[in-house]
Structures are given as structure tokens and as C-alpha cells.
Amino acid sequence: MTFEISVFRFDSQFDYNEHYERVKIAIDDDLSLKDLMIAVEKNLQNFAYDKESFGFRINGKAIFSNVKLADLRAEFGEVLEIDSLNQKYALKDLLINKDEIFAHYKPMLDSFAFLNDESKREFKKYILLNLISPLSLEDYIGDGYAMFAKWMAIHYQDNAKELLDSTFDFERGIINHIATKDMIFPSDKSIDDEIESLQRELFSTKLPFVSKLKKANGAKYSIIKEIQ
């Protein structure tokens, strides 16, 4: 098969605007996305991407796994746009500036006196999950942060309430979660399942507050209806 690909290019050290480079790749049907990206890298000068996690978009959908090229073509055809997971936080081509995003969350992480530095650094493993949703980090606490808080609550059980409560906020909390399963290829509902279970756990302990939300915003928050 032959893919016609537009690839996002940007270097935060030198570029003011992003651009796309086009490349045509002829490749065997039985190979994988990893093989395709190796071919792209050979055709583009000084190209950077995360070779382990992928963590970029193809035709708008987030990709985190080494999918088969046959499956990729079945979903998208042979004309592909390979884009940054989030252009705002692009560091170099498809690489994300995780340090910039970490700095955004650091004041909140530092507010948990019981978290040691190693535990805080664990958050970087979840950062890319925050960028699947179209919601900005200013408007939403982030799916990645919610999953990090849930994981840390297991390790810091005496402080679990404080960690989980940090995800429950009317303005930015997980009440605003948008389902991401169809924003990922292959479709994956594991993030949605984790966030929805956390919603149920948190909402069930805050029913008086939830009842007030339901009266004001019942049509908006379907998860509330499931609990009441």
C-alpha cells in the first residue's frame, strides 16, 4: 500500500508557526504503525516523535498503540494527516512539552504535603491522557490527572479523600468529563470507565450538593441522573 501523509512540523525553539510536510510512503500491508513512522522519520529531516508511547493524532484521532497498517487503512484510508496530540503544547514536531504541562499542575501537586517528589513525577506518565479531550487544561482538571489522583489514593490511603476531592470541582472537575472512547483509535473506553466510576464514587458521597446541581443543570449532567 502507499500512504500519502501530511506531517505536523514545529520546533518551539525556532519556529513561530507550525507547518505540514508531505511525504508518500510505499509500505507492505502486513507491517505496523511503528514501521510506518520509521519510514516517515527517514524521509523527513530532524523529525521527532515519541517512539514508545506514540501519543499523536492521525486524522484527528489519538493514537497510543502500534496498530496494524491494514487496520489503519480500513479506518482512515491511504490519505493521512499525522498531527500533534495538542499543538499548544508541541515541543518538537509530535513530541509534547510535558514539563510545561507539569508546571501547570505543580502548585496543586505541591499542596499535597504527603506526596513525595517521586510520586509527583508519576503524574508525567498520565499527562498525555489530559490532551485527548477537546477541553483545555484551564477548563477541565483532565482525565489524566483524575486517573493519577485515583492511583495515588490507593498508595496514600490516609489521604485518599483529599486526593479524590481535588477532582471534584463544579468549574473544572470530572463532572465536566467528555467521553473519549471514540476520540481514540482503536476505540477504547477504559478511560471513560475509570472516570465514570470515580464520578459515581464521589457523587454518592456528595448527594446534597449533587441534588442542587441536578435542579440547576439536570439536563447537562446525565451521570447525576444515574445516581439519583
C-alpha atoms as a PDB file:
ATOM      1  CA  MET A   1       0.000   0.000   0.000  1.00  0.00           C
ATOM      2  CA  THR A   2       1.005   3.628  -0.419  1.00  0.00           C
ATOM      3  CA  PHE A   3       0.164   6.310   2.132  1.00  0.00           C
ATOM      4  CA  GLU A   4       0.046   9.995   1.270  1.00  0.00           C
ATOM      5  CA  ILE A   5       0.851  11.723   4.536  1.00  0.00           C
ATOM      6  CA  SER A   6       0.861  15.294   5.817  1.00  0.00           C
ATOM      7  CA  VAL A   7       3.050  15.516   8.918  1.00  0.00           C
ATOM      8  CA  PHE A   8       2.922  18.264  11.542  1.00  0.00           C
ATOM      9  CA  ARG A   9       6.252  20.072  11.913  1.00  0.00           C
ATOM     10  CA  PHE A  10       7.138  22.569  14.629  1.00  0.00           C
ATOM     11  CA  ASP A  11      10.175  23.380  16.744  1.00  0.00           C
ATOM     12  CA  SER A  12       9.378  25.525  19.779  1.00  0.00           C
ATOM     13  CA  GLN A  13      12.979  26.777  19.888  1.00  0.00           C
ATOM     14  CA  PHE A  14      12.979  28.223  16.392  1.00  0.00           C
ATOM     15  CA  ASP A  15       9.517  28.321  14.805  1.00  0.00           C
ATOM     16  CA  TYR A  16       6.753  30.875  15.229  1.00  0.00           C
ATOM     17  CA  ASN A  17       4.163  28.959  13.220  1.00  0.00           C
ATOM     18  CA  GLU A  18       3.630  25.279  12.599  1.00  0.00           C
ATOM     19  CA  HIS A  19       3.536  23.789   9.108  1.00  0.00           C
ATOM     20  CA  TYR A  20       2.959  20.414   7.463  1.00  0.00           C
ATOM     21  CA  GLU A  21       5.309  18.413   5.272  1.00  0.00           C
ATOM     22  CA  ARG A  22       4.007  15.936   2.755  1.00  0.00           C
ATOM     23  CA  VAL A  23       5.556  12.550   2.200  1.00  0.00           C
ATOM     24  CA  LYS A  24       4.499   9.489   0.227  1.00  0.00           C
ATOM     25  CA  ILE A  25       5.340   6.118   1.768  1.00  0.00           C
ATOM     26  CA  ALA A  26       5.070   2.770  -0.040  1.00  0.00           C
ATOM     27  CA  ILE A  27       4.976   0.016   2.574  1.00  0.00           C
ATOM     28  CA  ASP A  28       3.941  -3.630   2.971  1.00  0.00           C
ATOM     29  CA  ASP A  29       0.385  -4.281   4.125  1.00  0.00           C
ATOM     30  CA  ASP A  30       1.426  -6.637   6.908  1.00  0.00           C
ATOM     31  CA  LEU A  31       3.567  -4.088   8.778  1.00  0.00           C
ATOM     32  CA  SER A  32       2.601  -1.800  11.672  1.00  0.00           C
ATOM     33  CA  LEU A  33       2.407   1.874  12.583  1.00  0.00           C
ATOM     34  CA  LYS A  34       5.873   1.621  14.107  1.00  0.00           C
ATOM     35  CA  ASP A  35       7.250   0.616  10.713  1.00  0.00           C
ATOM     36  CA  LEU A  36       5.388   3.457   9.015  1.00  0.00           C
ATOM     37  CA  MET A  37       6.779   6.019  11.474  1.00  0.00           C
ATOM     38  CA  ILE A  38      10.318   4.711  10.915  1.00  0.00           C
ATOM     39  CA  ALA A  39       9.787   5.284   7.180  1.00  0.00           C
ATOM     40  CA  VAL A  40       8.418   8.782   7.822  1.00  0.00           C
ATOM     41  CA  GLU A  41      11.424   9.591  10.005  1.00  0.00           C
ATOM     42  CA  LYS A  42      13.793   8.510   7.216  1.00  0.00           C
ATOM     43  CA  ASN A  43      12.040  10.833   4.777  1.00  0.00           C
ATOM     44  CA  LEU A  44      11.923  13.937   6.977  1.00  0.00           C
ATOM     45  CA  GLN A  45      14.930  15.793   8.280  1.00  0.00           C
ATOM     46  CA  ASN A  46      15.323  16.038  12.061  1.00  0.00           C
ATOM     47  CA  PHE A  47      11.853  14.637  12.767  1.00  0.00           C
ATOM     48  CA  ALA A  48      10.848  13.885  16.376  1.00  0.00           C
ATOM     49  CA  TYR A  49       8.100  11.771  17.922  1.00  0.00           C
ATOM     50  CA  ASP A  50       7.621   9.531  20.949  1.00  0.00           C
ATOM     51  CA  LYS A  51       8.788   6.137  19.730  1.00  0.00           C
ATOM     52  CA  GLU A  52       7.409   4.333  22.792  1.00  0.00           C
ATOM     53  CA  SER A  53       4.052   5.923  23.537  1.00  0.00           C
ATOM     54  CA  PHE A  54       3.285   7.414  20.091  1.00  0.00           C
ATOM     55  CA  GLY A  55       0.853   9.957  21.579  1.00  0.00           C
ATOM     56  CA  PHE A  56      -0.143  11.847  18.425  1.00  0.00           C
ATOM     57  CA  ARG A  57      -3.208  12.121  16.214  1.00  0.00           C
ATOM     58  CA  ILE A  58      -3.985  10.537  12.880  1.00  0.00           C
ATOM     59  CA  ASN A  59      -6.861  12.179  11.042  1.00  0.00           C
ATOM     60  CA  GLY A  60      -7.985  13.691  14.333  1.00  0.00           C
ATOM     61  CA  LYS A  61      -7.941  10.550  16.487  1.00  0.00           C
ATOM     62  CA  ALA A  62      -5.426   9.962  19.282  1.00  0.00           C
ATOM     63  CA  ILE A  63      -3.062   7.040  18.734  1.00  0.00           C
ATOM     64  CA  PHE A  64      -1.228   5.338  21.602  1.00  0.00           C
ATOM     65  CA  SER A  65      -0.677   1.819  20.263  1.00  0.00           C
ATOM     66  CA  ASN A  66       1.261   0.104  17.483  1.00  0.00           C
ATOM     67  CA  VAL A  67      -1.730  -0.674  15.284  1.00  0.00           C
ATOM     68  CA  LYS A  68      -1.574  -2.768  12.137  1.00  0.00           C
ATOM     69  CA  LEU A  69      -1.372  -0.796   8.905  1.00  0.00           C
ATOM     70  CA  ALA A  70      -4.230  -2.836   7.457  1.00  0.00           C
ATOM     71  CA  ASP A  71      -6.430  -1.649  10.333  1.00  0.00           C
ATOM     72  CA  LEU A  72      -5.161   1.910   9.926  1.00  0.00           C
ATOM     73  CA  ARG A  73      -6.101   1.938   6.244  1.00  0.00           C
ATOM     74  CA  ALA A  74      -9.504   0.357   6.965  1.00  0.00           C
ATOM     75  CA  GLU A  75     -10.255   3.211   9.376  1.00  0.00           C
ATOM     76  CA  PHE A  76      -8.704   6.193   7.598  1.00  0.00           C
ATOM     77  CA  GLY A  77      -7.882   5.216   4.033  1.00  0.00           C
ATOM     78  CA  GLU A  78      -4.489   5.969   2.496  1.00  0.00           C
ATOM     79  CA  VAL A  79      -4.502   9.755   2.950  1.00  0.00           C
ATOM     80  CA  LEU A  80      -3.307  10.557   6.466  1.00  0.00           C
ATOM     81  CA  GLU A  81      -2.701  13.702   8.496  1.00  0.00           C
ATOM     82  CA  ILE A  82      -0.350  12.987  11.385  1.00  0.00           C
ATOM     83  CA  ASP A  83      -0.698  15.766  13.930  1.00  0.00           C
ATOM     84  CA  SER A  84       0.431  16.738  17.396  1.00  0.00           C
ATOM     85  CA  LEU A  85      -1.823  15.488  20.179  1.00  0.00           C
ATOM     86  CA  ASN A  86      -2.139  19.147  21.191  1.00  0.00           C
ATOM     87  CA  GLN A  87      -0.491  21.890  19.124  1.00  0.00           C
ATOM     88  CA  LYS A  88      -0.484  24.330  22.036  1.00  0.00           C
ATOM     89  CA  TYR A  89       1.949  22.089  23.917  1.00  0.00           C
ATOM     90  CA  ALA A  90       4.020  20.950  20.938  1.00  0.00           C
ATOM     91  CA  LEU A  91       7.718  20.856  21.806  1.00  0.00           C
ATOM     92  CA  LYS A  92       9.271  19.388  18.672  1.00  0.00           C
ATOM     93  CA  ASP A  93       7.044  18.019  15.930  1.00  0.00           C
ATOM     94  CA  LEU A  94       4.917  15.290  17.577  1.00  0.00           C
ATOM     95  CA  LEU A  95       6.668  15.500  20.956  1.00  0.00           C
ATOM     96  CA  ILE A  96       4.659  17.165  23.731  1.00  0.00           C
ATOM     97  CA  ASN A  97       6.206  19.575  26.227  1.00  0.00           C
ATOM     98  CA  LYS A  98       5.359  17.531  29.316  1.00  0.00           C
ATOM     99  CA  ASP A  99       7.425  19.845  31.536  1.00  0.00           C
ATOM    100  CA  GLU A 100       5.204  22.801  30.627  1.00  0.00           C
ATOM    101  CA  ILE A 101       2.068  20.849  31.466  1.00  0.00           C
ATOM    102  CA  PHE A 102       3.634  19.509  34.660  1.00  0.00           C
ATOM    103  CA  ALA A 103       4.390  23.105  35.716  1.00  0.00           C
ATOM    104  CA  HIS A 104       0.702  23.920  35.243  1.00  0.00           C
ATOM    105  CA  TYR A 105      -0.226  21.262  37.811  1.00  0.00           C
ATOM    106  CA  LYS A 106       2.756  21.630  40.141  1.00  0.00           C
ATOM    107  CA  PRO A 107       1.148  24.139  42.569  1.00  0.00           C
ATOM    108  CA  MET A 108      -1.713  21.712  43.145  1.00  0.00           C
ATOM    109  CA  LEU A 109       0.633  18.737  43.495  1.00  0.00           C
ATOM    110  CA  ASP A 110       2.781  20.719  45.948  1.00  0.00           C
ATOM    111  CA  SER A 111      -0.310  21.449  48.033  1.00  0.00           C
ATOM    112  CA  PHE A 112      -0.395  17.753  48.957  1.00  0.00           C
ATOM    113  CA  ALA A 113       2.284  17.744  51.648  1.00  0.00           C
ATOM    114  CA  PHE A 114       2.182  13.946  51.875  1.00  0.00           C
ATOM    115  CA  LEU A 115       3.211  13.417  48.214  1.00  0.00           C
ATOM    116  CA  ASN A 116       6.935  12.859  47.820  1.00  0.00           C
ATOM    117  CA  ASP A 117       8.827  14.007  44.722  1.00  0.00           C
ATOM    118  CA  GLU A 118       8.793  10.537  43.183  1.00  0.00           C
ATOM    119  CA  SER A 119       5.009  10.359  43.473  1.00  0.00           C
ATOM    120  CA  LYS A 120       4.636  13.790  41.892  1.00  0.00           C
ATOM    121  CA  ARG A 121       6.821  12.742  38.977  1.00  0.00           C
ATOM    122  CA  GLU A 122       4.493   9.779  38.412  1.00  0.00           C
ATOM    123  CA  PHE A 123       1.976  12.293  37.128  1.00  0.00           C
ATOM    124  CA  LYS A 124       4.063  12.720  33.953  1.00  0.00           C
ATOM    125  CA  LYS A 125       3.014   9.201  32.931  1.00  0.00           C
ATOM    126  CA  TYR A 126      -0.599  10.418  32.793  1.00  0.00           C
ATOM    127  CA  ILE A 127      -0.051  13.788  31.110  1.00  0.00           C
ATOM    128  CA  LEU A 128      -0.817  12.712  27.546  1.00  0.00           C
ATOM    129  CA  LEU A 129      -4.232  11.429  28.645  1.00  0.00           C
ATOM    130  CA  ASN A 130      -5.144  15.007  29.577  1.00  0.00           C
ATOM    131  CA  LEU A 131      -4.787  16.030  25.934  1.00  0.00           C
ATOM    132  CA  ILE A 132      -7.300  13.652  24.328  1.00  0.00           C
ATOM    133  CA  SER A 133     -10.300  15.733  25.344  1.00  0.00           C
ATOM    134  CA  PRO A 134     -11.004  18.987  23.451  1.00  0.00           C
ATOM    135  CA  LEU A 135     -11.409  20.747  26.801  1.00  0.00           C
ATOM    136  CA  SER A 136      -8.488  22.987  27.746  1.00  0.00           C
ATOM    137  CA  LEU A 137      -6.493  22.454  30.943  1.00  0.00           C
ATOM    138  CA  GLU A 138      -7.886  25.777  32.155  1.00  0.00           C
ATOM    139  CA  ASP A 139     -11.453  24.463  31.819  1.00  0.00           C
ATOM    140  CA  TYR A 140     -11.028  20.856  32.946  1.00  0.00           C
ATOM    141  CA  ILE A 141      -8.867  19.154  35.560  1.00  0.00           C
ATOM    142  CA  GLY A 142      -8.064  16.475  32.979  1.00  0.00           C
ATOM    143  CA  ASP A 143      -8.709  12.757  32.638  1.00  0.00           C
ATOM    144  CA  GLY A 144      -5.025  12.037  33.219  1.00  0.00           C
ATOM    145  CA  TYR A 145      -4.985  13.983  36.464  1.00  0.00           C
ATOM    146  CA  ALA A 146      -8.157  12.245  37.674  1.00  0.00           C
ATOM    147  CA  MET A 147      -6.635   8.826  36.976  1.00  0.00           C
ATOM    148  CA  PHE A 148      -3.398   9.882  38.680  1.00  0.00           C
ATOM    149  CA  ALA A 149      -5.319  11.050  41.771  1.00  0.00           C
ATOM    150  CA  LYS A 150      -7.241   7.781  41.855  1.00  0.00           C
ATOM    151  CA  TRP A 151      -3.995   5.768  41.644  1.00  0.00           C
ATOM    152  CA  MET A 152      -2.288   7.871  44.331  1.00  0.00           C
ATOM    153  CA  ALA A 153      -5.325   7.398  46.586  1.00  0.00           C
ATOM    154  CA  ILE A 154      -4.520   3.693  46.623  1.00  0.00           C
ATOM    155  CA  HIS A 155      -0.947   4.367  47.730  1.00  0.00           C
ATOM    156  CA  TYR A 156      -1.825   7.148  50.193  1.00  0.00           C
ATOM    157  CA  GLN A 157      -4.982   5.697  51.705  1.00  0.00           C
ATOM    158  CA  ASP A 158      -4.921   8.022  54.726  1.00  0.00           C
ATOM    159  CA  ASN A 159      -5.099  10.957  52.326  1.00  0.00           C
ATOM    160  CA  ALA A 160      -7.390   9.395  49.730  1.00  0.00           C
ATOM    161  CA  LYS A 161     -10.272  11.788  50.404  1.00  0.00           C
ATOM    162  CA  GLU A 162      -8.078  14.841  49.871  1.00  0.00           C
ATOM    163  CA  LEU A 163      -6.738  13.468  46.595  1.00  0.00           C
ATOM    164  CA  LEU A 164     -10.118  12.439  45.218  1.00  0.00           C
ATOM    165  CA  ASP A 165     -11.813  15.631  46.354  1.00  0.00           C
ATOM    166  CA  SER A 166      -9.335  17.565  44.221  1.00  0.00           C
ATOM    167  CA  THR A 167     -11.021  16.067  41.142  1.00  0.00           C
ATOM    168  CA  PHE A 168     -14.500  17.136  42.276  1.00  0.00           C
ATOM    169  CA  ASP A 169     -14.977  20.780  41.393  1.00  0.00           C
ATOM    170  CA  PHE A 170     -18.006  22.335  39.726  1.00  0.00           C
ATOM    171  CA  GLU A 171     -15.970  24.593  37.448  1.00  0.00           C
ATOM    172  CA  ARG A 172     -13.097  22.294  36.394  1.00  0.00           C
ATOM    173  CA  GLY A 173     -13.729  18.880  37.916  1.00  0.00           C
ATOM    174  CA  ILE A 174     -14.645  15.487  36.499  1.00  0.00           C
ATOM    175  CA  ILE A 175     -18.298  16.459  36.362  1.00  0.00           C
ATOM    176  CA  ASN A 176     -17.242  18.038  33.035  1.00  0.00           C
ATOM    177  CA  HIS A 177     -15.673  14.868  31.617  1.00  0.00           C
ATOM    178  CA  ILE A 178     -16.385  14.225  27.928  1.00  0.00           C
ATOM    179  CA  ALA A 179     -16.362  10.615  26.726  1.00  0.00           C
ATOM    180  CA  THR A 180     -13.132   9.949  24.829  1.00  0.00           C
ATOM    181  CA  LYS A 181     -13.578   6.367  23.586  1.00  0.00           C
ATOM    182  CA  ASP A 182     -14.384   7.497  20.043  1.00  0.00           C
ATOM    183  CA  MET A 183     -11.566  10.070  20.066  1.00  0.00           C
ATOM    184  CA  ILE A 184      -9.019   7.246  20.271  1.00  0.00           C
ATOM    185  CA  PHE A 185      -8.039   4.652  17.669  1.00  0.00           C
ATOM    186  CA  PRO A 186      -8.669   1.842  18.180  1.00  0.00           C
ATOM    187  CA  SER A 187     -11.758   2.920  20.132  1.00  0.00           C
ATOM    188  CA  ASP A 188     -11.052   2.475  23.836  1.00  0.00           C
ATOM    189  CA  LYS A 189     -13.471   3.123  26.699  1.00  0.00           C
ATOM    190  CA  SER A 190     -11.086   2.282  29.544  1.00  0.00           C
ATOM    191  CA  ILE A 191     -10.507   5.961  30.400  1.00  0.00           C
ATOM    192  CA  ASP A 192     -14.249   6.662  30.379  1.00  0.00           C
ATOM    193  CA  ASP A 193     -14.869   3.651  32.624  1.00  0.00           C
ATOM    194  CA  GLU A 194     -12.263   4.891  35.131  1.00  0.00           C
ATOM    195  CA  ILE A 195     -13.623   8.442  35.209  1.00  0.00           C
ATOM    196  CA  GLU A 196     -17.261   7.354  35.406  1.00  0.00           C
ATOM    197  CA  SER A 197     -16.521   5.021  38.318  1.00  0.00           C
ATOM    198  CA  LEU A 198     -14.797   7.900  40.073  1.00  0.00           C
ATOM    199  CA  GLN A 199     -17.767  10.167  39.352  1.00  0.00           C
ATOM    200  CA  ARG A 200     -20.122   7.672  40.951  1.00  0.00           C
ATOM    201  CA  GLU A 201     -17.890   7.261  43.979  1.00  0.00           C
ATOM    202  CA  LEU A 202     -17.547  10.988  44.539  1.00  0.00           C
ATOM    203  CA  PHE A 203     -21.117  11.951  43.732  1.00  0.00           C
ATOM    204  CA  SER A 204     -22.554   9.303  46.039  1.00  0.00           C
ATOM    205  CA  THR A 205     -20.797  10.966  48.999  1.00  0.00           C
ATOM    206  CA  LYS A 206     -21.981  14.436  48.000  1.00  0.00           C
ATOM    207  CA  LEU A 207     -25.658  13.845  47.281  1.00  0.00           C
ATOM    208  CA  PRO A 208     -26.955  17.082  48.890  1.00  0.00           C
ATOM    209  CA  PHE A 209     -24.601  19.082  46.664  1.00  0.00           C
ATOM    210  CA  VAL A 210     -25.428  16.897  43.674  1.00  0.00           C
ATOM    211  CA  SER A 211     -29.146  17.427  44.237  1.00  0.00           C
ATOM    212  CA  LYS A 212     -28.617  21.173  43.930  1.00  0.00           C
ATOM    213  CA  LEU A 213     -26.658  20.647  40.716  1.00  0.00           C
ATOM    214  CA  LYS A 214     -29.390  18.435  39.364  1.00  0.00           C
ATOM    215  CA  LYS A 215     -32.032  21.118  39.820  1.00  0.00           C
ATOM    216  CA  ALA A 216     -29.899  23.712  38.065  1.00  0.00           C
ATOM    217  CA  ASN A 217     -28.182  21.536  35.471  1.00  0.00           C
ATOM    218  CA  GLY A 218     -30.028  18.218  35.382  1.00  0.00           C
ATOM    219  CA  ALA A 219     -30.209  18.066  31.601  1.00  0.00           C
ATOM    220  CA  LYS A 220     -26.487  18.662  31.263  1.00  0.00           C
ATOM    221  CA  TYR A 221     -25.107  16.085  33.673  1.00  0.00           C
ATOM    222  CA  SER A 222     -26.507  12.678  32.768  1.00  0.00           C
ATOM    223  CA  ILE A 223     -24.283  10.910  35.293  1.00  0.00           C
ATOM    224  CA  ILE A 224     -26.233  12.608  38.095  1.00  0.00           C
ATOM    225  CA  LYS A 225     -29.463  11.095  36.831  1.00  0.00           C
ATOM    226  CA  GLU A 226     -27.971   7.625  37.019  1.00  0.00           C
ATOM    227  CA  ILE A 227     -27.213   8.061  40.729  1.00  0.00           C
ATOM    228  CA  GLN A 228     -30.395   9.757  41.925  1.00  0.00           C
END
